[in-house]
């Protein structure tokens, strides 16, 4: 566990994005260094509609990013509204 009580980020783990704009997106951790995790996108975000208070409707759809590599700061791997939650752990 890390200082904040979140699981330690390790290669092989599966994490889900908590951000409402990326709901449904999952990532596999491929490598970890002192500050960042190198990840591969496993599933795209689901399509969602956001209605702005003024009536404007914004479609948030799939961006076809499966397989894309991304680098994420390790401090974001915690269950906050803009962080990530652990879906599947690996043996240490």
Protein backbone atom coordinates (compact mmCIF):
# COMPACT_ATOMS: atom_id res chain seq x y z
CA UNK A 1 0.00 0.00 0.00
CA UNK A 2 1.09 3.56 -0.60
CA UNK A 3 1.02 6.39 1.92
CA UNK A 4 -2.54 7.37 0.92
CA UNK A 5 -3.86 3.82 1.41
CA UNK A 6 -4.04 3.08 -2.32
CA UNK A 7 -2.58 -0.17 -3.68
CA UNK A 8 1.00 -0.16 -4.90
CA UNK A 9 1.10 0.22 -8.70
CA UNK A 10 2.69 -2.89 -10.29
CA UNK A 11 3.07 -4.22 -13.84
CA UNK A 12 0.20 -6.48 -14.89
CA UNK A 13 -2.49 -4.72 -12.84
CA UNK A 14 -5.73 -3.54 -14.49
CA UNK A 15 -7.07 -0.10 -13.50
CA UNK A 16 -10.29 1.72 -14.47
CA UNK A 17 -10.50 5.46 -15.09
CA UNK A 18 -12.82 7.22 -12.58
CA UNK A 19 -13.19 10.42 -14.63
CA UNK A 20 -16.80 10.74 -15.89
CA UNK A 21 -15.44 11.79 -19.30
CA UNK A 22 -13.61 8.47 -19.65
CA UNK A 23 -16.10 6.15 -17.94
CA UNK A 24 -15.46 2.54 -18.90
CA UNK A 25 -11.82 3.00 -19.98
CA UNK A 26 -9.45 0.40 -18.54
CA UNK A 27 -5.66 0.24 -18.58
CA UNK A 28 -3.01 -2.43 -18.03
CA UNK A 29 0.17 -1.30 -16.27
CA UNK A 30 3.20 -2.40 -18.33
CA UNK A 31 6.05 -0.74 -16.43
CA UNK A 32 6.54 1.50 -13.41
CA UNK A 33 9.29 3.95 -12.48
CA UNK A 34 9.64 6.36 -9.54
CA UNK A 35 7.02 8.83 -10.80
CA UNK A 36 5.04 7.32 -13.69
CA UNK A 37 3.41 4.14 -14.98
CA UNK A 38 3.55 3.10 -18.64
CA UNK A 39 0.14 1.67 -19.56
CA UNK A 40 -1.78 0.16 -22.47
CA UNK A 41 -5.46 1.06 -23.02
CA UNK A 42 -7.55 -2.15 -22.91
CA UNK A 43 -11.08 -0.77 -23.36
CA UNK A 44 -12.38 2.54 -24.69
CA UNK A 45 -14.62 4.81 -22.73
CA UNK A 46 -18.34 4.30 -23.22
CA UNK A 47 -20.53 6.79 -25.05
CA UNK A 48 -22.15 9.34 -22.76
CA UNK A 49 -24.13 12.55 -23.14
CA UNK A 50 -23.49 15.58 -20.98
CA UNK A 51 -26.13 18.31 -20.89
CA UNK A 52 -24.65 21.70 -19.95
CA UNK A 53 -26.77 23.95 -17.70
CA UNK A 54 -27.44 26.29 -20.67
CA UNK A 55 -29.00 23.45 -22.67
CA UNK A 56 -25.99 22.63 -24.87
CA UNK A 57 -25.57 18.86 -25.31
CA UNK A 58 -22.07 17.41 -25.62
CA UNK A 59 -21.54 13.83 -26.82
CA UNK A 60 -18.67 11.96 -25.22
CA UNK A 61 -18.07 8.95 -27.43
CA UNK A 62 -15.52 6.26 -27.97
CA UNK A 63 -12.24 7.52 -29.34
CA UNK A 64 -10.95 4.12 -30.53
CA UNK A 65 -7.86 4.14 -28.36
CA UNK A 66 -7.60 0.40 -27.58
CA UNK A 67 -3.94 -0.61 -27.70
CA UNK A 68 -2.65 2.95 -27.32
CA UNK A 69 0.29 3.43 -24.95
CA UNK A 70 0.05 6.15 -22.33
CA UNK A 71 2.16 7.45 -19.43
CA UNK A 72 0.34 8.32 -16.20
CA UNK A 73 1.66 9.91 -12.99
CA UNK A 74 1.65 7.34 -10.18
CA UNK A 75 -0.06 9.81 -7.83
CA UNK A 76 -3.23 9.50 -9.98
CA UNK A 77 -3.63 5.79 -9.13
CA UNK A 78 -6.07 6.37 -6.28
CA UNK A 79 -9.87 6.21 -6.15
CA UNK A 80 -10.71 9.91 -6.54
CA UNK A 81 -13.06 11.47 -9.10
CA UNK A 82 -10.18 12.09 -11.51
CA UNK A 83 -8.03 9.14 -10.49
CA UNK A 84 -8.09 5.40 -11.14
CA UNK A 85 -9.41 2.41 -9.21
CA UNK A 86 -7.80 -1.02 -9.13
CA UNK A 87 -9.90 -3.63 -10.97
CA UNK A 88 -7.52 -6.60 -11.03
CA UNK A 89 -4.38 -7.05 -8.96
CA UNK A 90 -1.38 -9.30 -9.58
CA UNK A 91 0.68 -11.34 -7.15
CA UNK A 92 3.59 -9.32 -5.70
